């Protein structure tokens, strides 16, 4: 597993805002977190890591 990134809350909100401006399916931060974690989990499953 990759080491978690250490980013500021300001950077985290900027990141979320950028994604939300590009894809309206990520309307809320909570939904954004679920969708991003599901994509990461799917990568691990496809690579046989889980």
PDB file of N, CA and C in Angstrom:
ATOM      1  N   UNK A   1       0.851  -1.170   0.000  1.00  0.00           N
ATOM      2  CA  UNK A   1       0.000   0.000   0.000  1.00  0.00           C
ATOM      3  C   UNK A   1       0.896   1.231   0.000  1.00  0.00           C
ATOM      4  N   UNK A   2       0.482   2.238  -0.763  1.00  0.00           N
ATOM      5  CA  UNK A   2       1.237   3.488  -0.795  1.00  0.00           C
ATOM      6  C   UNK A   2       1.106   4.226   0.525  1.00  0.00           C
ATOM      7  N   UNK A   3       2.139   4.955   0.866  1.00  0.00           N
ATOM      8  CA  UNK A   3       2.116   5.788   2.059  1.00  0.00           C
ATOM      9  C   UNK A   3       1.118   6.933   1.852  1.00  0.00           C
ATOM     10  N   UNK A   4       0.289   7.236   2.849  1.00  0.00           N
ATOM     11  CA  UNK A   4      -0.681   8.335   2.693  1.00  0.00           C
ATOM     12  C   UNK A   4       0.023   9.673   2.468  1.00  0.00           C
ATOM     13  N   UNK A   5      -0.592  10.498   1.661  1.00  0.00           N
ATOM     14  CA  UNK A   5      -0.051  11.835   1.424  1.00  0.00           C
ATOM     15  C   UNK A   5      -0.361  12.746   2.598  1.00  0.00           C
ATOM     16  N   UNK A   6       0.547  13.630   2.871  1.00  0.00           N
ATOM     17  CA  UNK A   6       0.329  14.636   3.908  1.00  0.00           C
ATOM     18  C   UNK A   6       0.032  15.956   3.200  1.00  0.00           C
ATOM     19  N   UNK A   7      -1.253  16.302   3.100  1.00  0.00           N
ATOM     20  CA  UNK A   7      -1.630  17.561   2.455  1.00  0.00           C
ATOM     21  C   UNK A   7      -2.462  18.393   3.428  1.00  0.00           C
ATOM     22  N   UNK A   8      -2.454  19.674   3.187  1.00  0.00           N
ATOM     23  CA  UNK A   8      -3.221  20.576   4.050  1.00  0.00           C
ATOM     24  C   UNK A   8      -4.707  20.481   3.719  1.00  0.00           C
ATOM     25  N   UNK A   9      -5.533  20.930   4.643  1.00  0.00           N
ATOM     26  CA  UNK A   9      -6.977  20.959   4.381  1.00  0.00           C
ATOM     27  C   UNK A   9      -7.273  21.888   3.211  1.00  0.00           C
ATOM     28  N   UNK A  10      -6.544  22.998   3.133  1.00  0.00           N
ATOM     29  CA  UNK A  10      -6.744  23.931   2.023  1.00  0.00           C
ATOM     30  C   UNK A  10      -6.480  23.234   0.683  1.00  0.00           C
ATOM     31  N   UNK A  11      -5.394  22.463   0.615  1.00  0.00           N
ATOM     32  CA  UNK A  11      -5.087  21.728  -0.614  1.00  0.00           C
ATOM     33  C   UNK A  11      -6.130  20.649  -0.898  1.00  0.00           C
ATOM     34  N   UNK A  12      -6.610  19.988   0.143  1.00  0.00           N
ATOM     35  CA  UNK A  12      -7.633  18.955  -0.029  1.00  0.00           C
ATOM     36  C   UNK A  12      -8.916  19.555  -0.607  1.00  0.00           C
ATOM     37  N   UNK A  13      -9.313  20.718  -0.103  1.00  0.00           N
ATOM     38  CA  UNK A  13     -10.522  21.361  -0.622  1.00  0.00           C
ATOM     39  C   UNK A  13     -10.310  21.873  -2.041  1.00  0.00           C
ATOM     40  N   UNK A  14      -9.116  22.353  -2.345  1.00  0.00           N
ATOM     41  CA  UNK A  14      -8.811  22.790  -3.710  1.00  0.00           C
ATOM     42  C   UNK A  14      -8.888  21.607  -4.666  1.00  0.00           C
ATOM     43  N   UNK A  15      -8.335  20.477  -4.254  1.00  0.00           N
ATOM     44  CA  UNK A  15      -8.392  19.252  -5.047  1.00  0.00           C
ATOM     45  C   UNK A  15      -9.846  18.845  -5.303  1.00  0.00           C
ATOM     46  N   UNK A  16     -10.649  18.814  -4.237  1.00  0.00           N
ATOM     47  CA  UNK A  16     -12.061  18.431  -4.368  1.00  0.00           C
ATOM     48  C   UNK A  16     -12.806  19.404  -5.279  1.00  0.00           C
ATOM     49  N   UNK A  17     -12.538  20.679  -5.126  1.00  0.00           N
ATOM     50  CA  UNK A  17     -13.208  21.694  -5.945  1.00  0.00           C
ATOM     51  C   UNK A  17     -12.866  21.513  -7.428  1.00  0.00           C
ATOM     52  N   UNK A  18     -11.607  21.186  -7.713  1.00  0.00           N
ATOM     53  CA  UNK A  18     -11.198  20.966  -9.107  1.00  0.00           C
ATOM     54  C   UNK A  18     -11.909  19.765  -9.711  1.00  0.00           C
ATOM     55  N   UNK A  19     -12.004  18.690  -8.967  1.00  0.00           N
ATOM     56  CA  UNK A  19     -12.710  17.513  -9.473  1.00  0.00           C
ATOM     57  C   UNK A  19     -14.189  17.820  -9.659  1.00  0.00           C
ATOM     58  N   UNK A  20     -14.792  18.473  -8.681  1.00  0.00           N
ATOM     59  CA  UNK A  20     -16.221  18.784  -8.760  1.00  0.00           C
ATOM     60  C   UNK A  20     -16.523  19.709  -9.932  1.00  0.00           C
ATOM     61  N   UNK A  21     -15.605  20.559 -10.306  1.00  0.00           N
ATOM     62  CA  UNK A  21     -15.845  21.462 -11.438  1.00  0.00           C
ATOM     63  C   UNK A  21     -15.765  20.722 -12.767  1.00  0.00           C
ATOM     64  N   UNK A  22     -15.097  19.561 -12.789  1.00  0.00           N
ATOM     65  CA  UNK A  22     -14.946  18.793 -14.019  1.00  0.00           C
ATOM     66  C   UNK A  22     -15.976  17.681 -14.180  1.00  0.00           C
ATOM     67  N   UNK A  23     -16.583  17.238 -13.071  1.00  0.00           N
ATOM     68  CA  UNK A  23     -17.527  16.121 -13.135  1.00  0.00           C
ATOM     69  C   UNK A  23     -18.629  16.333 -12.105  1.00  0.00           C
ATOM     70  N   UNK A  24     -19.847  16.566 -12.570  1.00  0.00           N
ATOM     71  CA  UNK A  24     -20.945  16.884 -11.656  1.00  0.00           C
ATOM     72  C   UNK A  24     -21.449  15.683 -10.851  1.00  0.00           C
ATOM     73  N   UNK A  25     -20.925  14.480 -11.103  1.00  0.00           N
ATOM     74  CA  UNK A  25     -21.291  13.323 -10.289  1.00  0.00           C
ATOM     75  C   UNK A  25     -20.626  13.365  -8.917  1.00  0.00           C
ATOM     76  N   UNK A  26     -19.689  14.266  -8.743  1.00  0.00           N
ATOM     77  CA  UNK A  26     -18.970  14.395  -7.480  1.00  0.00           C
ATOM     78  C   UNK A  26     -19.422  15.656  -6.736  1.00  0.00           C
ATOM     79  N   UNK A  27     -20.718  15.834  -6.625  1.00  0.00           N
ATOM     80  CA  UNK A  27     -21.281  17.065  -6.092  1.00  0.00           C
ATOM     81  C   UNK A  27     -20.969  17.361  -4.641  1.00  0.00           C
ATOM     82  N   UNK A  28     -20.776  16.356  -3.828  1.00  0.00           N
ATOM     83  CA  UNK A  28     -20.524  16.561  -2.403  1.00  0.00           C
ATOM     84  C   UNK A  28     -19.225  15.878  -2.017  1.00  0.00           C
ATOM     85  N   UNK A  29     -18.500  16.439  -1.071  1.00  0.00           N
ATOM     86  CA  UNK A  29     -17.221  15.861  -0.650  1.00  0.00           C
ATOM     87  C   UNK A  29     -17.379  14.419  -0.200  1.00  0.00           C
ATOM     88  N   UNK A  30     -18.448  14.098   0.499  1.00  0.00           N
ATOM     89  CA  UNK A  30     -18.672  12.738   0.990  1.00  0.00           C
ATOM     90  C   UNK A  30     -18.787  11.761  -0.178  1.00  0.00           C
ATOM     91  N   UNK A  31     -19.545  12.158  -1.201  1.00  0.00           N
ATOM     92  CA  UNK A  31     -19.697  11.326  -2.393  1.00  0.00           C
ATOM     93  C   UNK A  31     -18.360  11.215  -3.111  1.00  0.00           C
ATOM     94  N   UNK A  32     -17.638  12.310  -3.186  1.00  0.00           N
ATOM     95  CA  UNK A  32     -16.325  12.319  -3.816  1.00  0.00           C
ATOM     96  C   UNK A  32     -15.408  11.291  -3.161  1.00  0.00           C
ATOM     97  N   UNK A  33     -15.376  11.267  -1.854  1.00  0.00           N
ATOM     98  CA  UNK A  33     -14.518  10.317  -1.131  1.00  0.00           C
ATOM     99  C   UNK A  33     -14.919   8.870  -1.423  1.00  0.00           C
ATOM    100  N   UNK A  34     -16.201   8.586  -1.444  1.00  0.00           N
ATOM    101  CA  UNK A  34     -16.657   7.223  -1.740  1.00  0.00           C
ATOM    102  C   UNK A  34     -16.260   6.804  -3.152  1.00  0.00           C
ATOM    103  N   UNK A  35     -16.472   7.681  -4.111  1.00  0.00           N
ATOM    104  CA  UNK A  35     -16.156   7.341  -5.495  1.00  0.00           C
ATOM    105  C   UNK A  35     -14.652   7.172  -5.697  1.00  0.00           C
ATOM    106  N   UNK A  36     -13.849   8.039  -5.099  1.00  0.00           N
ATOM    107  CA  UNK A  36     -12.399   7.907  -5.246  1.00  0.00           C
ATOM    108  C   UNK A  36     -11.877   6.641  -4.580  1.00  0.00           C
ATOM    109  N   UNK A  37     -12.380   6.330  -3.396  1.00  0.00           N
ATOM    110  CA  UNK A  37     -11.908   5.119  -2.712  1.00  0.00           C
ATOM    111  C   UNK A  37     -12.348   3.865  -3.471  1.00  0.00           C
ATOM    112  N   UNK A  38     -13.527   3.892  -4.081  1.00  0.00           N
ATOM    113  CA  UNK A  38     -13.987   2.749  -4.872  1.00  0.00           C
ATOM    114  C   UNK A  38     -13.090   2.546  -6.093  1.00  0.00           C
ATOM    115  N   UNK A  39     -12.674   3.640  -6.729  1.00  0.00           N
ATOM    116  CA  UNK A  39     -11.770   3.534  -7.874  1.00  0.00           C
ATOM    117  C   UNK A  39     -10.423   2.952  -7.452  1.00  0.00           C
ATOM    118  N   UNK A  40      -9.903   3.381  -6.312  1.00  0.00           N
ATOM    119  CA  UNK A  40      -8.627   2.857  -5.823  1.00  0.00           C
ATOM    120  C   UNK A  40      -8.748   1.376  -5.469  1.00  0.00           C
ATOM    121  N   UNK A  41      -9.829   0.998  -4.827  1.00  0.00           N
ATOM    122  CA  UNK A  41     -10.050  -0.407  -4.476  1.00  0.00           C
ATOM    123  C   UNK A  41     -10.121  -1.257  -5.737  1.00  0.00           C
ATOM    124  N   UNK A  42     -10.819  -0.757  -6.745  1.00  0.00           N
ATOM    125  CA  UNK A  42     -10.947  -1.489  -7.997  1.00  0.00           C
ATOM    126  C   UNK A  42      -9.581  -1.698  -8.657  1.00  0.00           C
ATOM    127  N   UNK A  43      -8.691  -0.715  -8.575  1.00  0.00           N
ATOM    128  CA  UNK A  43      -7.335  -0.869  -9.116  1.00  0.00           C
ATOM    129  C   UNK A  43      -6.620  -2.029  -8.434  1.00  0.00           C
ATOM    130  N   UNK A  44      -6.727  -2.104  -7.101  1.00  0.00           N
ATOM    131  CA  UNK A  44      -6.072  -3.180  -6.355  1.00  0.00           C
ATOM    132  C   UNK A  44      -6.655  -4.541  -6.715  1.00  0.00           C
ATOM    133  N   UNK A  45      -7.967  -4.617  -6.867  1.00  0.00           N
ATOM    134  CA  UNK A  45      -8.611  -5.886  -7.235  1.00  0.00           C
ATOM    135  C   UNK A  45      -8.139  -6.329  -8.610  1.00  0.00           C
ATOM    136  N   UNK A  46      -8.104  -5.394  -9.564  1.00  0.00           N
ATOM    137  CA  UNK A  46      -7.683  -5.730 -10.929  1.00  0.00           C
ATOM    138  C   UNK A  46      -6.212  -6.143 -10.974  1.00  0.00           C
ATOM    139  N   UNK A  47      -5.412  -5.623 -10.067  1.00  0.00           N
ATOM    140  CA  UNK A  47      -3.979  -5.965 -10.035  1.00  0.00           C
ATOM    141  C   UNK A  47      -3.694  -7.158  -9.131  1.00  0.00           C
ATOM    142  N   UNK A  48      -4.752  -7.777  -8.597  1.00  0.00           N
ATOM    143  CA  UNK A  48      -4.588  -8.960  -7.760  1.00  0.00           C
ATOM    144  C   UNK A  48      -3.981  -8.688  -6.407  1.00  0.00           C
ATOM    145  N   UNK A  49      -4.113  -7.466  -5.902  1.00  0.00           N
ATOM    146  CA  UNK A  49      -3.528  -7.106  -4.624  1.00  0.00           C
ATOM    147  C   UNK A  49      -4.464  -7.373  -3.444  1.00  0.00           C
ATOM    148  N   UNK A  50      -5.718  -7.685  -3.751  1.00  0.00           N
ATOM    149  CA  UNK A  50      -6.672  -7.964  -2.652  1.00  0.00           C
ATOM    150  C   UNK A  50      -7.165  -9.376  -2.797  1.00  0.00           C
TER     151      UNK A  50
END
